Amino acid sequence: MKTYQTKLKEKGTIAEVDVVLGATISFDQFKEAVENAMEKAEK
């Protein structure tokens, strides 16, 4: 997960974060968490 956090900070958007091989499920969970957080922040 720290790799995803670092990449998100570097890239700026979840769409630009590279998927780490063998970690598709955790990436999907990370992506969902980020999207949920962004939605809540917008409200």
Protein backbone atom coordinates (compact mmCIF):
# COMPACT_ATOMS: atom_id res chain seq x y z
CA MET A 1 0.00 0.00 0.00
CA LYS A 2 2.85 2.44 0.68
CA THR A 3 3.94 2.05 -2.94
CA TYR A 4 0.47 3.08 -4.07
CA GLN A 5 0.48 6.09 -1.73
CA THR A 6 3.86 7.20 -3.02
CA LYS A 7 2.81 6.79 -6.67
CA LEU A 8 -0.44 8.67 -6.04
CA LYS A 9 1.52 11.58 -4.56
CA GLU A 10 3.94 11.51 -7.52
CA LYS A 11 1.31 11.20 -10.25
CA GLY A 12 -1.50 13.26 -8.73
CA THR A 13 -4.39 11.09 -9.93
CA ILE A 14 -5.41 7.50 -9.29
CA ALA A 15 -5.68 6.94 -13.05
CA GLU A 16 -1.93 7.53 -13.40
CA VAL A 17 -0.86 5.07 -10.68
CA ASP A 18 0.83 1.97 -12.10
CA VAL A 19 -0.56 -1.36 -10.96
CA VAL A 20 2.07 -3.39 -9.12
CA LEU A 21 2.22 -6.89 -10.53
CA GLY A 22 0.59 -9.52 -8.35
CA ALA A 23 -1.27 -6.96 -6.27
CA THR A 24 -4.41 -6.35 -8.31
CA ILE A 25 -6.82 -6.93 -5.44
CA SER A 26 -4.99 -4.60 -3.07
CA PHE A 27 -4.72 -1.97 -5.83
CA ASP A 28 -8.46 -2.21 -6.45
CA GLN A 29 -9.08 -1.75 -2.72
CA PHE A 30 -6.69 1.22 -2.63
CA LYS A 31 -8.35 2.77 -5.67
CA GLU A 32 -11.79 2.37 -4.15
CA ALA A 33 -10.63 3.92 -0.86
CA VAL A 34 -9.13 6.91 -2.68
CA GLU A 35 -12.27 7.41 -4.76
CA ASN A 36 -14.47 7.22 -1.64
CA ALA A 37 -12.26 9.72 0.17
CA MET A 38 -12.38 12.10 -2.80
CA GLU A 39 -16.19 11.89 -2.93
CA LYS A 40 -16.47 12.64 0.79
CA ALA A 41 -14.04 15.54 0.47
CA GLU A 42 -16.15 17.08 -2.29
CA LYS A 43 -19.29 17.14 -0.10
